[in-house]
Amino acid sequence: MSRDSCEHCGKPAVVHDVIIKGGERREVHLCAEHAKAAGYAVPSAAPIAALLGPGVAVPPSAPRSASSLPTACPGCGLSFNQFRQTGVLGCPQCYDAFGTPLASLIEKAQMGGLNHVGKTPRRGGGGIDMQLLRQRLARELEEAVAAEQYERAAKLRDRLLSLKPTEPRSGTV
């Protein structure tokens, strides 16, 4: 049997386990049905939106105008309505086709972040952190002004101005 098929029935395997007992290694490959029967937790085929909960799904009242959204992705033909129902994109071109509503959805799911924020190098990483902080504050400032929250906007502006200026890199190495 192949690693991609269930060792009992030949259906596609969804559970792959390696068991080492008494110094002997044994691989187990099971379909969903046989995995459940054996007591394994079966991976869900539910869309990511269902797994993340109701706070992450695209709300039906999300702003959509006929001029800003194409009726379907040019790459795979998926409509935005189908994406809203399943929470699954069809191809990489969907990101470009449905850019604006996806960006707001990703921002909500990432708690306000659109850029990867992970570990930075110990040497020279402070500049990257400062740049990301400036970008975040500038975006929040724009949002506050657009929402006419002028007191919040003033505080954000002051915080942006209080950050020490970035030093230009020298041309020497």
N, C-alpha and C. Protein backbone atom coordinates (compact mmCIF):
# COMPACT_ATOMS: atom_id res chain seq x y z
N MET A 1 0.84 -1.20 0.00
CA MET A 1 0.00 0.00 0.00
C MET A 1 0.87 1.25 0.00
N SER A 2 0.38 2.24 -0.65
CA SER A 2 1.08 3.52 -0.73
C SER A 2 0.83 4.32 0.54
N ARG A 3 1.70 5.29 0.80
CA ARG A 3 1.54 6.16 1.96
C ARG A 3 0.33 7.05 1.82
N ASP A 4 -0.15 7.24 0.60
CA ASP A 4 -1.27 8.14 0.35
C ASP A 4 -2.62 7.45 0.46
N SER A 5 -2.63 6.13 0.64
CA SER A 5 -3.91 5.43 0.71
C SER A 5 -4.03 4.65 2.01
N CYS A 6 -5.28 4.42 2.40
CA CYS A 6 -5.59 3.71 3.63
C CYS A 6 -5.08 2.28 3.54
N GLU A 7 -4.50 1.79 4.60
CA GLU A 7 -3.96 0.44 4.59
C GLU A 7 -5.04 -0.63 4.67
N HIS A 8 -6.30 -0.23 4.95
CA HIS A 8 -7.40 -1.19 5.03
C HIS A 8 -8.24 -1.25 3.76
N CYS A 9 -8.50 -0.08 3.16
CA CYS A 9 -9.46 -0.08 2.04
C CYS A 9 -8.93 0.59 0.77
N GLY A 10 -7.81 1.28 0.83
CA GLY A 10 -7.25 1.90 -0.35
C GLY A 10 -7.75 3.31 -0.63
N LYS A 11 -8.71 3.81 0.18
CA LYS A 11 -9.18 5.20 0.03
C LYS A 11 -8.04 6.15 0.41
N PRO A 12 -8.14 7.43 0.02
CA PRO A 12 -7.09 8.38 0.40
C PRO A 12 -6.93 8.47 1.93
N ALA A 13 -5.71 8.39 2.38
CA ALA A 13 -5.43 8.44 3.81
C ALA A 13 -5.42 9.89 4.30
N VAL A 14 -6.06 10.12 5.44
CA VAL A 14 -6.08 11.44 6.05
C VAL A 14 -5.31 11.46 7.36
N VAL A 15 -5.02 10.28 7.90
CA VAL A 15 -4.24 10.17 9.13
C VAL A 15 -2.99 9.37 8.82
N HIS A 16 -1.85 9.95 9.19
CA HIS A 16 -0.56 9.30 9.01
C HIS A 16 0.13 9.33 10.37
N ASP A 17 0.43 8.17 10.92
CA ASP A 17 1.01 8.10 12.26
C ASP A 17 2.22 7.17 12.23
N VAL A 18 3.20 7.50 13.03
CA VAL A 18 4.38 6.65 13.18
C VAL A 18 4.38 6.16 14.62
N ILE A 19 4.38 4.86 14.79
CA ILE A 19 4.36 4.26 16.13
C ILE A 19 5.68 3.53 16.33
N ILE A 20 6.35 3.86 17.42
CA ILE A 20 7.60 3.17 17.77
C ILE A 20 7.34 2.44 19.07
N LYS A 21 7.37 1.12 19.00
CA LYS A 21 7.08 0.30 20.18
C LYS A 21 8.11 -0.81 20.25
N GLY A 22 8.76 -0.91 21.38
CA GLY A 22 9.78 -1.95 21.55
C GLY A 22 10.93 -1.79 20.58
N GLY A 23 11.22 -0.54 20.20
CA GLY A 23 12.32 -0.29 19.28
C GLY A 23 11.97 -0.51 17.82
N GLU A 24 10.74 -0.94 17.54
CA GLU A 24 10.33 -1.17 16.16
C GLU A 24 9.43 -0.03 15.69
N ARG A 25 9.70 0.42 14.49
CA ARG A 25 8.96 1.54 13.89
C ARG A 25 7.88 1.00 12.96
N ARG A 26 6.64 1.54 13.12
CA ARG A 26 5.54 1.11 12.27
C ARG A 26 4.76 2.35 11.83
N GLU A 27 4.46 2.44 10.54
CA GLU A 27 3.67 3.55 10.02
C GLU A 27 2.22 3.12 9.84
N VAL A 28 1.31 4.04 10.18
CA VAL A 28 -0.11 3.78 10.03
C VAL A 28 -0.68 4.84 9.10
N HIS A 29 -1.41 4.41 8.06
CA HIS A 29 -2.05 5.32 7.11
C HIS A 29 -3.51 4.90 7.01
N LEU A 30 -4.44 5.80 7.42
CA LEU A 30 -5.85 5.45 7.48
C LEU A 30 -6.73 6.51 6.83
N CYS A 31 -7.82 6.07 6.23
CA CYS A 31 -8.83 6.98 5.71
C CYS A 31 -9.63 7.51 6.90
N ALA A 32 -10.51 8.47 6.67
CA ALA A 32 -11.28 9.08 7.76
C ALA A 32 -12.12 8.04 8.50
N GLU A 33 -12.76 7.16 7.76
CA GLU A 33 -13.63 6.14 8.37
C GLU A 33 -12.85 5.21 9.29
N HIS A 34 -11.74 4.67 8.80
CA HIS A 34 -10.95 3.74 9.60
C HIS A 34 -10.20 4.45 10.73
N ALA A 35 -9.85 5.71 10.51
CA ALA A 35 -9.18 6.48 11.57
C ALA A 35 -10.13 6.70 12.74
N LYS A 36 -11.39 7.03 12.44
CA LYS A 36 -12.39 7.20 13.51
C LYS A 36 -12.57 5.90 14.27
N ALA A 37 -12.67 4.80 13.53
CA ALA A 37 -12.86 3.50 14.16
C ALA A 37 -11.68 3.13 15.05
N ALA A 38 -10.48 3.56 14.68
CA ALA A 38 -9.28 3.27 15.47
C ALA A 38 -9.07 4.26 16.61
N GLY A 39 -9.92 5.29 16.68
CA GLY A 39 -9.82 6.24 17.79
C GLY A 39 -8.94 7.44 17.53
N TYR A 40 -8.56 7.67 16.28
CA TYR A 40 -7.75 8.83 15.92
C TYR A 40 -8.65 10.06 15.76
N ALA A 41 -8.10 11.21 16.05
CA ALA A 41 -8.79 12.47 15.76
C ALA A 41 -8.65 12.71 14.27
N VAL A 42 -9.77 12.85 13.59
CA VAL A 42 -9.77 13.01 12.14
C VAL A 42 -9.72 14.48 11.81
N PRO A 43 -8.80 14.89 10.91
CA PRO A 43 -8.74 16.30 10.52
C PRO A 43 -10.08 16.73 9.91
N SER A 44 -10.47 17.94 10.25
CA SER A 44 -11.73 18.47 9.77
C SER A 44 -11.59 18.98 8.35
N ALA A 45 -12.62 18.80 7.56
CA ALA A 45 -12.65 19.35 6.22
C ALA A 45 -13.42 20.66 6.20
N ALA A 46 -13.73 21.18 7.40
CA ALA A 46 -14.49 22.43 7.49
C ALA A 46 -13.65 23.59 7.00
N PRO A 47 -14.28 24.58 6.40
CA PRO A 47 -13.55 25.75 5.96
C PRO A 47 -12.92 26.47 7.15
N ILE A 48 -11.84 27.16 6.88
CA ILE A 48 -11.10 27.85 7.94
C ILE A 48 -11.98 28.85 8.67
N ALA A 49 -12.92 29.48 7.99
CA ALA A 49 -13.80 30.45 8.63
C ALA A 49 -14.63 29.78 9.71
N ALA A 50 -15.08 28.55 9.47
CA ALA A 50 -15.86 27.84 10.46
C ALA A 50 -15.00 27.44 11.65
N LEU A 51 -13.74 27.11 11.41
CA LEU A 51 -12.85 26.71 12.49
C LEU A 51 -12.47 27.89 13.37
N LEU A 52 -12.31 29.07 12.78
CA LEU A 52 -11.88 30.24 13.53
C LEU A 52 -13.00 30.90 14.30
N GLY A 53 -14.23 30.62 13.95
CA GLY A 53 -15.35 31.17 14.69
C GLY A 53 -16.05 32.28 13.95
N PRO A 54 -17.17 32.73 14.52
CA PRO A 54 -17.99 33.73 13.83
C PRO A 54 -17.35 35.10 13.72
N GLY A 55 -16.40 35.43 14.56
CA GLY A 55 -15.79 36.75 14.51
C GLY A 55 -14.87 36.96 13.33
N VAL A 56 -14.52 35.88 12.63
CA VAL A 56 -13.56 35.99 11.55
C VAL A 56 -14.22 35.90 10.18
N ALA A 57 -15.40 35.31 10.11
CA ALA A 57 -16.07 35.14 8.82
C ALA A 57 -16.44 36.49 8.23
N VAL A 58 -16.51 36.53 6.92
CA VAL A 58 -16.88 37.77 6.24
C VAL A 58 -18.37 38.00 6.48
N PRO A 59 -18.73 39.11 7.10
CA PRO A 59 -20.14 39.35 7.36
C PRO A 59 -20.89 39.62 6.07
N PRO A 60 -22.16 39.19 6.00
CA PRO A 60 -22.93 39.41 4.79
C PRO A 60 -23.08 40.89 4.47
N SER A 61 -22.99 41.76 5.46
CA SER A 61 -23.16 43.18 5.22
C SER A 61 -21.85 43.88 4.89
N ALA A 62 -20.80 43.09 4.56
CA ALA A 62 -19.51 43.71 4.23
C ALA A 62 -19.71 44.62 3.02
N PRO A 63 -19.08 45.78 3.04
CA PRO A 63 -19.27 46.71 1.93
C PRO A 63 -18.78 46.11 0.62
N ARG A 64 -19.67 46.07 -0.35
CA ARG A 64 -19.31 45.55 -1.66
C ARG A 64 -20.01 46.41 -2.68
N SER A 65 -19.27 46.91 -3.60
CA SER A 65 -19.89 47.63 -4.70
C SER A 65 -19.58 46.88 -5.98
N ALA A 66 -20.50 46.92 -6.89
CA ALA A 66 -20.34 46.17 -8.13
C ALA A 66 -19.10 46.61 -8.90
N SER A 67 -18.71 47.88 -8.73
CA SER A 67 -17.55 48.36 -9.48
C SER A 67 -16.24 47.92 -8.84
N SER A 68 -16.22 47.69 -7.53
CA SER A 68 -14.95 47.37 -6.87
C SER A 68 -14.66 45.87 -6.85
N LEU A 69 -15.68 45.03 -6.90
CA LEU A 69 -15.46 43.60 -6.86
C LEU A 69 -15.81 42.95 -8.20
N PRO A 70 -14.90 42.12 -8.71
CA PRO A 70 -15.29 41.39 -9.92
C PRO A 70 -16.35 40.35 -9.56
N THR A 71 -17.13 39.93 -10.53
CA THR A 71 -18.16 38.93 -10.26
C THR A 71 -17.53 37.59 -9.93
N ALA A 72 -16.34 37.32 -10.47
CA ALA A 72 -15.65 36.06 -10.21
C ALA A 72 -14.15 36.26 -10.40
N CYS A 73 -13.39 35.40 -9.76
CA CYS A 73 -11.93 35.42 -9.90
C CYS A 73 -11.58 35.01 -11.33
N PRO A 74 -10.71 35.77 -12.01
CA PRO A 74 -10.35 35.40 -13.38
C PRO A 74 -9.56 34.10 -13.46
N GLY A 75 -8.93 33.70 -12.37
CA GLY A 75 -8.12 32.48 -12.40
C GLY A 75 -8.91 31.20 -12.24
N CYS A 76 -9.85 31.19 -11.27
CA CYS A 76 -10.56 29.94 -10.97
C CYS A 76 -12.08 30.05 -11.11
N GLY A 77 -12.59 31.28 -11.26
CA GLY A 77 -14.03 31.46 -11.42
C GLY A 77 -14.80 31.53 -10.12
N LEU A 78 -14.14 31.49 -8.98
CA LEU A 78 -14.80 31.56 -7.68
C LEU A 78 -15.42 32.94 -7.49
N SER A 79 -16.66 32.99 -7.05
CA SER A 79 -17.29 34.29 -6.77
C SER A 79 -17.03 34.65 -5.31
N PHE A 80 -17.13 35.93 -5.01
CA PHE A 80 -16.92 36.36 -3.62
C PHE A 80 -18.00 35.78 -2.73
N ASN A 81 -19.19 35.61 -3.25
CA ASN A 81 -20.28 35.02 -2.48
C ASN A 81 -19.94 33.58 -2.10
N GLN A 82 -19.34 32.82 -3.03
CA GLN A 82 -18.92 31.45 -2.73
C GLN A 82 -17.85 31.46 -1.65
N PHE A 83 -16.93 32.42 -1.73
CA PHE A 83 -15.89 32.52 -0.70
C PHE A 83 -16.51 32.79 0.66
N ARG A 84 -17.50 33.70 0.70
CA ARG A 84 -18.15 34.01 1.97
C ARG A 84 -18.82 32.79 2.57
N GLN A 85 -19.37 31.92 1.73
CA GLN A 85 -20.05 30.73 2.23
C GLN A 85 -19.07 29.67 2.73
N THR A 86 -17.95 29.49 2.02
CA THR A 86 -17.02 28.42 2.38
C THR A 86 -15.84 28.88 3.20
N GLY A 87 -15.42 30.14 3.00
CA GLY A 87 -14.22 30.62 3.68
C GLY A 87 -12.94 30.13 3.05
N VAL A 88 -13.03 29.56 1.85
CA VAL A 88 -11.86 29.00 1.18
C VAL A 88 -11.70 29.66 -0.18
N LEU A 89 -10.49 30.15 -0.46
CA LEU A 89 -10.21 30.74 -1.78
C LEU A 89 -9.85 29.64 -2.76
N GLY A 90 -10.05 29.92 -4.04
CA GLY A 90 -9.81 28.91 -5.06
C GLY A 90 -8.42 28.88 -5.62
N CYS A 91 -7.74 30.04 -5.68
CA CYS A 91 -6.41 30.09 -6.28
C CYS A 91 -5.69 31.36 -5.80
N PRO A 92 -4.40 31.50 -6.10
CA PRO A 92 -3.67 32.70 -5.68
C PRO A 92 -4.21 34.00 -6.28
N GLN A 93 -4.83 33.93 -7.46
CA GLN A 93 -5.36 35.14 -8.09
C GLN A 93 -6.56 35.70 -7.32
N CYS A 94 -7.20 34.88 -6.50
CA CYS A 94 -8.33 35.35 -5.69
C CYS A 94 -7.90 36.49 -4.77
N TYR A 95 -6.66 36.47 -4.29
CA TYR A 95 -6.18 37.54 -3.41
C TYR A 95 -6.19 38.88 -4.12
N ASP A 96 -5.83 38.89 -5.40
CA ASP A 96 -5.86 40.12 -6.17
C ASP A 96 -7.29 40.51 -6.55
N ALA A 97 -8.09 39.52 -6.93
CA ALA A 97 -9.45 39.79 -7.37
C ALA A 97 -10.33 40.34 -6.25
N PHE A 98 -10.14 39.83 -5.03
CA PHE A 98 -10.97 40.24 -3.90
C PHE A 98 -10.12 40.96 -2.84
N GLY A 99 -9.14 41.73 -3.28
CA GLY A 99 -8.14 42.35 -2.41
C GLY A 99 -8.68 43.14 -1.23
N THR A 100 -9.54 44.12 -1.46
CA THR A 100 -9.98 45.01 -0.39
C THR A 100 -10.76 44.29 0.70
N PRO A 101 -11.79 43.51 0.37
CA PRO A 101 -12.50 42.83 1.45
C PRO A 101 -11.64 41.76 2.14
N LEU A 102 -10.74 41.14 1.39
CA LEU A 102 -9.86 40.16 2.01
C LEU A 102 -8.89 40.82 2.98
N ALA A 103 -8.39 42.00 2.61
CA ALA A 103 -7.45 42.70 3.48
C ALA A 103 -8.10 43.02 4.82
N SER A 104 -9.35 43.49 4.79
CA SER A 104 -10.01 43.79 6.06
C SER A 104 -10.28 42.52 6.85
N LEU A 105 -10.59 41.43 6.18
CA LEU A 105 -10.82 40.16 6.85
C LEU A 105 -9.53 39.64 7.49
N ILE A 106 -8.43 39.70 6.75
CA ILE A 106 -7.15 39.25 7.27
C ILE A 106 -6.73 40.13 8.45
N GLU A 107 -6.97 41.43 8.33
CA GLU A 107 -6.62 42.35 9.41
C GLU A 107 -7.39 42.01 10.68
N LYS A 108 -8.67 41.67 10.55
CA LYS A 108 -9.46 41.27 11.72
C LYS A 108 -8.93 39.98 12.31
N ALA A 109 -8.63 39.01 11.45
CA ALA A 109 -8.15 37.71 11.92
C ALA A 109 -6.78 37.84 12.59
N GLN A 110 -5.94 38.77 12.14
CA GLN A 110 -4.61 38.95 12.68
C GLN A 110 -4.55 40.05 13.73
N MET A 111 -5.72 40.45 14.23
CA MET A 111 -5.82 41.47 15.27
C MET A 111 -5.15 42.77 14.87
N GLY A 112 -5.45 43.21 13.66
CA GLY A 112 -4.97 44.51 13.21
C GLY A 112 -3.74 44.49 12.36
N GLY A 113 -3.14 43.34 12.15
CA GLY A 113 -1.90 43.29 11.38
C GLY A 113 -2.09 42.77 9.98
N LEU A 114 -1.47 43.43 9.03
CA LEU A 114 -1.46 42.94 7.66
C LEU A 114 -0.08 42.43 7.27
N ASN A 115 0.93 42.75 8.07
CA ASN A 115 2.29 42.31 7.81
C ASN A 115 2.68 41.26 8.83
N HIS A 116 3.59 40.38 8.43
CA HIS A 116 4.10 39.37 9.35
C HIS A 116 4.88 40.06 10.46
N VAL A 117 4.55 39.71 11.67
CA VAL A 117 5.29 40.25 12.81
C VAL A 117 5.81 39.05 13.58
N GLY A 118 7.05 38.76 13.38
CA GLY A 118 7.66 37.61 14.04
C GLY A 118 8.96 38.04 14.66
N LYS A 119 9.85 37.10 14.80
CA LYS A 119 11.15 37.41 15.38
C LYS A 119 11.95 38.26 14.40
N THR A 120 12.75 39.14 14.97
CA THR A 120 13.63 39.96 14.15
C THR A 120 15.07 39.68 14.58
N PRO A 121 16.02 39.93 13.70
CA PRO A 121 17.41 39.69 14.06
C PRO A 121 17.82 40.53 15.26
N ARG A 122 18.67 39.99 16.09
CA ARG A 122 19.11 40.74 17.28
C ARG A 122 19.87 41.99 16.89
N ARG A 123 20.75 41.86 15.89
CA ARG A 123 21.48 43.03 15.42
C ARG A 123 20.67 43.69 14.32
N GLY A 124 20.36 44.93 14.49
CA GLY A 124 19.68 45.68 13.45
C GLY A 124 18.19 45.45 13.38
N GLY A 125 17.64 44.63 14.26
CA GLY A 125 16.21 44.35 14.23
C GLY A 125 15.36 45.48 14.76
N GLY A 126 15.96 46.37 15.55
CA GLY A 126 15.21 47.47 16.12
C GLY A 126 14.65 48.40 15.06
N GLY A 127 15.39 48.59 13.98
CA GLY A 127 14.93 49.45 12.90
C GLY A 127 13.69 48.90 12.22
N ILE A 128 13.65 47.58 12.08
CA ILE A 128 12.48 46.93 11.48
C ILE A 128 11.27 47.11 12.38
N ASP A 129 11.46 46.88 13.69
CA ASP A 129 10.36 47.05 14.64
C ASP A 129 9.85 48.48 14.61
N MET A 130 10.75 49.45 14.57
CA MET A 130 10.36 50.85 14.57
C MET A 130 9.59 51.20 13.29
N GLN A 131 10.03 50.65 12.18
CA GLN A 131 9.34 50.90 10.90
C GLN A 131 7.92 50.34 10.95
N LEU A 132 7.76 49.12 11.47
CA LEU A 132 6.43 48.52 11.57
C LEU A 132 5.54 49.31 12.52
N LEU A 133 6.12 49.81 13.62
CA LEU A 133 5.34 50.62 14.56
C LEU A 133 4.88 51.90 13.89
N ARG A 134 5.77 52.55 13.15
CA ARG A 134 5.39 53.78 12.43
C ARG A 134 4.26 53.51 11.44
N GLN A 135 4.37 52.40 10.69
CA GLN A 135 3.33 52.06 9.72
C GLN A 135 1.99 51.83 10.41
N ARG A 136 2.02 51.11 11.53
CA ARG A 136 0.78 50.82 12.25
C ARG A 136 0.16 52.10 12.78
N LEU A 137 0.98 52.96 13.38
CA LEU A 137 0.47 54.22 13.92
C LEU A 137 -0.08 55.13 12.82
N ALA A 138 0.60 55.15 11.68
CA ALA A 138 0.13 55.98 10.55
C ALA A 138 -1.21 55.46 10.04
N ARG A 139 -1.36 54.14 9.97
CA ARG A 139 -2.63 53.57 9.52
C ARG A 139 -3.74 53.88 10.52
N GLU A 140 -3.44 53.75 11.82
CA GLU A 140 -4.44 54.07 12.85
C GLU A 140 -4.80 55.54 12.81
N LEU A 141 -3.82 56.41 12.54
CA LEU A 141 -4.08 57.84 12.44
C LEU A 141 -5.04 58.13 11.28
N GLU A 142 -4.79 57.51 10.13
CA GLU A 142 -5.68 57.70 8.99
C GLU A 142 -7.10 57.23 9.31
N GLU A 143 -7.21 56.10 9.99
CA GLU A 143 -8.52 55.56 10.35
C GLU A 143 -9.24 56.49 11.32
N ALA A 144 -8.50 57.04 12.29
CA ALA A 144 -9.11 57.93 13.28
C ALA A 144 -9.61 59.21 12.62
N VAL A 145 -8.83 59.75 11.68
CA VAL A 145 -9.26 60.96 10.98
C VAL A 145 -10.49 60.66 10.13
N ALA A 146 -10.48 59.52 9.44
CA ALA A 146 -11.62 59.15 8.60
C ALA A 146 -12.89 58.96 9.43
N ALA A 147 -12.72 58.47 10.67
CA ALA A 147 -13.87 58.26 11.55
C ALA A 147 -14.19 59.51 12.37
N GLU A 148 -13.48 60.59 12.10
CA GLU A 148 -13.66 61.87 12.80
C GLU A 148 -13.44 61.75 14.30
N GLN A 149 -12.46 60.93 14.68
CA GLN A 149 -12.06 60.77 16.09
C GLN A 149 -10.80 61.62 16.29
N TYR A 150 -11.02 62.91 16.38
CA TYR A 150 -9.90 63.86 16.34
C TYR A 150 -9.02 63.81 17.59
N GLU A 151 -9.59 63.55 18.75
CA GLU A 151 -8.76 63.45 19.96
C GLU A 151 -7.82 62.26 19.85
N ARG A 152 -8.36 61.12 19.40
CA ARG A 152 -7.53 59.93 19.22
C ARG A 152 -6.47 60.20 18.14
N ALA A 153 -6.87 60.88 17.08
CA ALA A 153 -5.94 61.20 16.00
C ALA A 153 -4.80 62.08 16.51
N ALA A 154 -5.12 63.04 17.37
CA ALA A 154 -4.09 63.92 17.92
C ALA A 154 -3.10 63.13 18.77
N LYS A 155 -3.61 62.19 19.57
CA LYS A 155 -2.72 61.36 20.40
C LYS A 155 -1.82 60.49 19.53
N LEU A 156 -2.40 59.93 18.46
CA LEU A 156 -1.60 59.10 17.56
C LEU A 156 -0.54 59.93 16.84
N ARG A 157 -0.92 61.16 16.42
CA ARG A 157 0.03 62.06 15.76
C ARG A 157 1.18 62.38 16.70
N ASP A 158 0.85 62.70 17.96
CA ASP A 158 1.89 63.02 18.94
C ASP A 158 2.80 61.82 19.18
N ARG A 159 2.23 60.64 19.23
CA ARG A 159 3.05 59.45 19.44
C ARG A 159 3.98 59.22 18.24
N LEU A 160 3.45 59.43 17.04
CA LEU A 160 4.28 59.29 15.84
C LEU A 160 5.44 60.30 15.87
N LEU A 161 5.13 61.54 16.25
CA LEU A 161 6.17 62.58 16.27
C LEU A 161 7.19 62.34 17.38
N SER A 162 6.78 61.65 18.46
CA SER A 162 7.70 61.42 19.58
C SER A 162 8.71 60.31 19.30
N LEU A 163 8.42 59.48 18.30
CA LEU A 163 9.36 58.41 17.96
C LEU A 163 10.62 59.03 17.40
N LYS A 164 11.76 58.49 17.81
CA LYS A 164 13.00 59.06 17.31
C LYS A 164 13.11 58.81 15.81
N PRO A 165 13.62 59.79 15.10
CA PRO A 165 13.70 59.65 13.64
C PRO A 165 14.62 58.51 13.25
N THR A 166 14.30 57.89 12.14
CA THR A 166 15.15 56.80 11.65
C THR A 166 16.42 57.41 11.07
N GLU A 167 17.52 56.75 11.38
CA GLU A 167 18.81 57.25 10.90
C GLU A 167 19.09 56.68 9.52
N PRO A 168 19.47 57.52 8.57
CA PRO A 168 19.77 56.99 7.23
C PRO A 168 20.99 56.09 7.30
N ARG A 169 20.93 55.03 6.51
CA ARG A 169 22.06 54.09 6.47
C ARG A 169 23.21 54.70 5.73
N SER A 170 24.40 54.41 6.20
CA SER A 170 25.58 54.92 5.52
C SER A 170 25.90 54.00 4.34
N GLY A 171 26.60 54.53 3.36
CA GLY A 171 26.92 53.76 2.17
C GLY A 171 28.10 52.84 2.36
N THR A 172 28.74 52.87 3.52
CA THR A 172 29.91 52.00 3.75
C THR A 172 29.48 50.70 4.37
N VAL A 173 30.25 49.67 4.06
CA VAL A 173 29.97 48.34 4.62
C VAL A 173 31.12 47.87 5.41
